[in-house]
Structure formats: structure tokens, C-alpha cells
C-alpha atoms as a PDB file:
ATOM      1  CA  MET A   1     -14.229  14.297   2.266  1.00  0.00           C
ATOM      2  CA  LYS A   2     -14.178  10.542   1.520  1.00  0.00           C
ATOM      3  CA  LYS A   3     -16.353  11.014  -1.572  1.00  0.00           C
ATOM      4  CA  TYR A   4     -14.072  13.831  -2.772  1.00  0.00           C
ATOM      5  CA  LEU A   5     -10.967  11.651  -2.339  1.00  0.00           C
ATOM      6  CA  LEU A   6     -12.534   8.778  -4.268  1.00  0.00           C
ATOM      7  CA  MET A   7     -13.213  11.202  -7.132  1.00  0.00           C
ATOM      8  CA  VAL A   8      -9.757  12.839  -7.121  1.00  0.00           C
ATOM      9  CA  LEU A   9      -7.467   9.875  -6.423  1.00  0.00           C
ATOM     10  CA  PRO A  10      -8.091   8.047  -9.732  1.00  0.00           C
ATOM     11  CA  ALA A  11      -6.885  11.159 -11.567  1.00  0.00           C
ATOM     12  CA  LEU A  12      -3.726  11.157  -9.448  1.00  0.00           C
ATOM     13  CA  ALA A  13      -3.166   7.506 -10.266  1.00  0.00           C
ATOM     14  CA  LEU A  14      -3.165   8.273 -13.970  1.00  0.00           C
ATOM     15  CA  SER A  15      -0.201  10.593 -13.419  1.00  0.00           C
ATOM     16  CA  ILE A  16       1.959   7.646 -12.313  1.00  0.00           C
ATOM     17  CA  GLN A  17       3.621   6.185 -15.387  1.00  0.00           C
ATOM     18  CA  PRO A  18       3.581   2.426 -14.714  1.00  0.00           C
ATOM     19  CA  ALA A  19       6.111   0.209 -16.440  1.00  0.00           C
ATOM     20  CA  TYR A  20       4.812  -3.131 -15.236  1.00  0.00           C
ATOM     21  CA  ALA A  21       2.360  -5.832 -16.108  1.00  0.00           C
ATOM     22  CA  GLU A  22      -0.800  -5.559 -14.022  1.00  0.00           C
ATOM     23  CA  ASP A  23      -0.445  -7.524 -10.786  1.00  0.00           C
ATOM     24  CA  SER A  24       3.073  -8.603 -11.727  1.00  0.00           C
ATOM     25  CA  ASN A  25       4.790 -10.471  -8.930  1.00  0.00           C
ATOM     26  CA  PRO A  26       8.444  -9.546  -8.479  1.00  0.00           C
ATOM     27  CA  LYS A  27      10.901 -12.400  -8.758  1.00  0.00           C
ATOM     28  CA  GLU A  28      14.019 -11.830  -6.678  1.00  0.00           C
ATOM     29  CA  PRO A  29      16.651 -14.501  -6.068  1.00  0.00           C
ATOM     30  CA  GLY A  30      15.701 -16.713  -3.127  1.00  0.00           C
ATOM     31  CA  GLN A  31      12.339 -15.007  -2.636  1.00  0.00           C
ATOM     32  CA  ALA A  32       9.057 -16.960  -2.602  1.00  0.00           C
ATOM     33  CA  ASP A  33       5.972 -15.691  -4.372  1.00  0.00           C
ATOM     34  CA  LEU A  34       4.410 -12.865  -2.390  1.00  0.00           C
ATOM     35  CA  PRO A  35       0.828 -11.598  -2.145  1.00  0.00           C
ATOM     36  CA  HIS A  36      -0.184  -8.229  -3.537  1.00  0.00           C
ATOM     37  CA  ALA A  37      -0.664  -5.587  -0.827  1.00  0.00           C
ATOM     38  CA  PHE A  38      -4.478  -5.710  -1.112  1.00  0.00           C
ATOM     39  CA  ASP A  39      -4.389  -9.488  -0.575  1.00  0.00           C
ATOM     40  CA  ALA A  40      -1.777  -9.629   2.185  1.00  0.00           C
ATOM     41  CA  GLY A  41      -2.961  -9.608   5.777  1.00  0.00           C
ATOM     42  CA  TRP A  42      -1.626 -10.226   9.255  1.00  0.00           C
ATOM     43  CA  GLN A  43      -1.738 -13.622  10.985  1.00  0.00           C
ATOM     44  CA  GLY A  44      -4.662 -14.745   8.828  1.00  0.00           C
ATOM     45  CA  GLU A  45      -6.667 -11.524   9.279  1.00  0.00           C
ATOM     46  CA  THR A  46      -7.561  -9.104   6.489  1.00  0.00           C
ATOM     47  CA  THR A  47      -6.018  -5.642   6.825  1.00  0.00           C
ATOM     48  CA  CYS A  48      -6.908  -4.077   3.457  1.00  0.00           C
ATOM     49  CA  GLU A  49     -10.083  -3.785   1.420  1.00  0.00           C
ATOM     50  CA  LEU A  50     -10.611  -2.929  -2.220  1.00  0.00           C
ATOM     51  CA  LEU A  51     -12.788   0.207  -2.331  1.00  0.00           C
ATOM     52  CA  PHE A  52     -12.917   0.844  -6.062  1.00  0.00           C
ATOM     53  CA  GLU A  53     -11.811  -0.806  -9.283  1.00  0.00           C
ATOM     54  CA  ASP A  54     -12.394  -0.063 -12.946  1.00  0.00           C
ATOM     55  CA  ASP A  55     -10.435  -0.523 -16.183  1.00  0.00           C
ATOM     56  CA  THR A  56      -7.811   2.091 -15.228  1.00  0.00           C
ATOM     57  CA  THR A  57      -7.541   2.229 -11.428  1.00  0.00           C
ATOM     58  CA  ARG A  58      -7.667   0.254  -8.184  1.00  0.00           C
ATOM     59  CA  ILE A  59      -8.085   1.949  -4.793  1.00  0.00           C
ATOM     60  CA  GLY A  60      -7.596   0.102  -1.522  1.00  0.00           C
ATOM     61  CA  ARG A  61      -7.858   1.111   2.123  1.00  0.00           C
ATOM     62  CA  CYS A  62      -5.593  -0.486   4.729  1.00  0.00           C
ATOM     63  CA  VAL A  63      -6.087  -0.219   8.517  1.00  0.00           C
ATOM     64  CA  PHE A  64      -3.559  -1.249  11.159  1.00  0.00           C
ATOM     65  CA  PRO A  65      -4.394  -0.917  14.874  1.00  0.00           C
ATOM     66  CA  PRO A  66      -1.423  -0.871  17.291  1.00  0.00           C
ATOM     67  CA  GLY A  67       0.438  -4.183  17.247  1.00  0.00           C
ATOM     68  CA  ILE A  68      -0.998  -5.227  13.876  1.00  0.00           C
ATOM     69  CA  GLY A  69       1.118  -5.480  10.757  1.00  0.00           C
ATOM     70  CA  HIS A  70       1.096  -6.365   7.088  1.00  0.00           C
ATOM     71  CA  GLU A  71       2.937  -9.546   6.092  1.00  0.00           C
ATOM     72  CA  MET A  72       5.677  -9.383   3.455  1.00  0.00           C
ATOM     73  CA  HIS A  73       3.978  -8.293   0.211  1.00  0.00           C
ATOM     74  CA  TYR A  74       4.504  -6.345  -2.979  1.00  0.00           C
ATOM     75  CA  HIS A  75       3.023  -3.153  -4.408  1.00  0.00           C
ATOM     76  CA  ASN A  76       2.794  -2.194  -8.042  1.00  0.00           C
ATOM     77  CA  PRO A  77       3.615   1.484  -8.694  1.00  0.00           C
ATOM     78  CA  HIS A  78       1.141   3.520  -6.660  1.00  0.00           C
ATOM     79  CA  PHE A  79       0.157   6.717  -4.851  1.00  0.00           C
ATOM     80  CA  GLY A  80      -0.556   6.595  -1.123  1.00  0.00           C
ATOM     81  CA  TYR A  81      -2.515   8.959   1.142  1.00  0.00           C
ATOM     82  CA  THR A  82      -2.376   8.676   4.954  1.00  0.00           C
ATOM     83  CA  LEU A  83      -5.796   8.975   6.616  1.00  0.00           C
ATOM     84  CA  GLU A  84      -4.560   8.364  10.199  1.00  0.00           C
ATOM     85  CA  GLY A  85      -0.914   8.410  11.232  1.00  0.00           C
ATOM     86  CA  SER A  86       1.163   6.336  13.644  1.00  0.00           C
ATOM     87  CA  THR A  87       4.641   4.821  13.854  1.00  0.00           C
ATOM     88  CA  LEU A  88       5.487   1.891  11.572  1.00  0.00           C
ATOM     89  CA  ARG A  89       8.412  -0.517  11.507  1.00  0.00           C
ATOM     90  CA  ILE A  90       9.136  -1.226   7.851  1.00  0.00           C
ATOM     91  CA  THR A  91      11.247  -4.233   6.835  1.00  0.00           C
ATOM     92  CA  ASP A  92      12.540  -4.545   3.277  1.00  0.00           C
ATOM     93  CA  SER A  93      15.676  -5.613   1.404  1.00  0.00           C
ATOM     94  CA  THR A  94      17.627  -2.702   2.952  1.00  0.00           C
ATOM     95  CA  GLY A  95      16.799  -3.703   6.551  1.00  0.00           C
ATOM     96  CA  GLU A  96      14.474  -2.247   9.208  1.00  0.00           C
ATOM     97  CA  ARG A  97      13.499   1.367   9.793  1.00  0.00           C
ATOM     98  CA  GLU A  98      10.876   3.261  11.766  1.00  0.00           C
ATOM     99  CA  VAL A  99       8.617   5.666   9.910  1.00  0.00           C
ATOM    100  CA  VAL A 100       6.327   8.189  11.612  1.00  0.00           C
ATOM    101  CA  THR A 101       3.290   8.986   9.470  1.00  0.00           C
ATOM    102  CA  SER A 102       0.802  11.843   9.785  1.00  0.00           C
ATOM    103  CA  ALA A 103      -2.722  12.338   8.472  1.00  0.00           C
ATOM    104  CA  GLY A 104      -2.581  13.995   5.069  1.00  0.00           C
ATOM    105  CA  GLY A 105       0.865  12.619   4.233  1.00  0.00           C
ATOM    106  CA  THR A 106       1.448  11.265   0.729  1.00  0.00           C
ATOM    107  CA  TRP A 107       3.983   9.141  -1.127  1.00  0.00           C
ATOM    108  CA  SER A 108       4.322   7.515  -4.530  1.00  0.00           C
ATOM    109  CA  THR A 109       6.443   4.915  -6.269  1.00  0.00           C
ATOM    110  CA  THR A 110       7.128   4.265  -9.926  1.00  0.00           C
ATOM    111  CA  ARG A 111       8.355   0.682  -9.497  1.00  0.00           C
ATOM    112  CA  VAL A 112       7.331  -2.551  -7.792  1.00  0.00           C
ATOM    113  CA  THR A 113       8.235  -2.469  -4.091  1.00  0.00           C
ATOM    114  CA  VAL A 114       8.396  -5.266  -1.510  1.00  0.00           C
ATOM    115  CA  HIS A 115       8.174  -4.878   2.274  1.00  0.00           C
ATOM    116  CA  GLN A 116       6.542  -5.848   5.557  1.00  0.00           C
ATOM    117  CA  ALA A 117       5.095  -3.320   8.014  1.00  0.00           C
ATOM    118  CA  MET A 118       4.151  -3.348  11.705  1.00  0.00           C
ATOM    119  CA  ASN A 119       2.285  -0.612  13.574  1.00  0.00           C
ATOM    120  CA  ILE A 120       4.475  -0.051  16.644  1.00  0.00           C
ATOM    121  CA  GLY A 121       2.710   3.178  17.603  1.00  0.00           C
ATOM    122  CA  ASP A 122      -0.072   3.824  20.114  1.00  0.00           C
ATOM    123  CA  THR A 123      -2.754   4.754  17.564  1.00  0.00           C
ATOM    124  CA  THR A 124      -4.418   3.084  14.583  1.00  0.00           C
ATOM    125  CA  THR A 125      -2.976   4.016  11.210  1.00  0.00           C
ATOM    126  CA  SER A 126      -4.880   3.862   7.938  1.00  0.00           C
ATOM    127  CA  TYR A 127      -4.261   4.915   4.389  1.00  0.00           C
ATOM    128  CA  LEU A 128      -5.479   4.754   0.809  1.00  0.00           C
ATOM    129  CA  ILE A 129      -3.442   3.127  -1.958  1.00  0.00           C
ATOM    130  CA  VAL A 130      -4.183   4.151  -5.552  1.00  0.00           C
ATOM    131  CA  GLU A 131      -2.805   1.958  -8.336  1.00  0.00           C
ATOM    132  CA  PRO A 132      -3.090   2.766 -12.035  1.00  0.00           C
ATOM    133  CA  LYS A 133      -3.659  -0.123 -14.430  1.00  0.00           C
ATOM    134  CA  ILE A 134      -2.181  -0.522 -17.865  1.00  0.00           C
ATOM    135  CA  PRO A 135      -4.905   0.011 -20.469  1.00  0.00           C
END
């Protein structure tokens, strides 16, 4: 299954129409520079790893055991696929919300997003992030 996903996900990434400069860092009033999602961690620990990268696509895998989060970071437009679900507390410019995720769930964005996440559930959550690159 993992090999199949790594073959299919780059094609999905190409369907996202990015309107950004690769690895652009959003500049919002009063906001310090933030790490990209693949570079952000939690309390000095790595939570994501880059699985694949070529001229058109980057694929990362992020894993968050219970009580572990992902410091404030940004994402370029991307497609996400949940491998293992749990309950997350997401903090962004609109406030805090709880999100329950399930294995097989997907999402996508067409713009740069900024948030922090914390696994407040009882199980580890993990997911794949697929980012297209501008040729």
C-alpha cells in the first residue's frame, strides 16, 4: 500500500494549482518568520520526515503520538492523506478548534496556511503531505 501511495500521490499533487513561490514564507503583520511544516517540530524533536522529492513534488510524513504537537508553521498549497487518525487541537489566526481525523481521510489547500497542532487524542496520528513545486 505504501509503495502504491508513493506512486499515486505525486500525480495528485500536480492537480493542485499552486500560486506561490516554492517554500515562500508568509509575511503577516506582527508575525515572525515561521518554519515550513517539514522543518517544524515539537520541543526540539523532529515530527516530520521528507520521504520523496524531485523537480515537481515533495512528499513528507508526519507522526504525532498522544501529547505531541507541531509548533507554529506554514504549509504551501498541498494535499494531505491521513494514515492514522486521532483528535487534534488546531490553533490558527481564527482561534482554536478540535478536529477528529480518521485513517483514509484527505484534505487539500490552494493557498499558504499557518497553524499549530497538538495531538490531544489517545492514539498516534500520522499523515502524508504532498506538495507540488512550480516548474
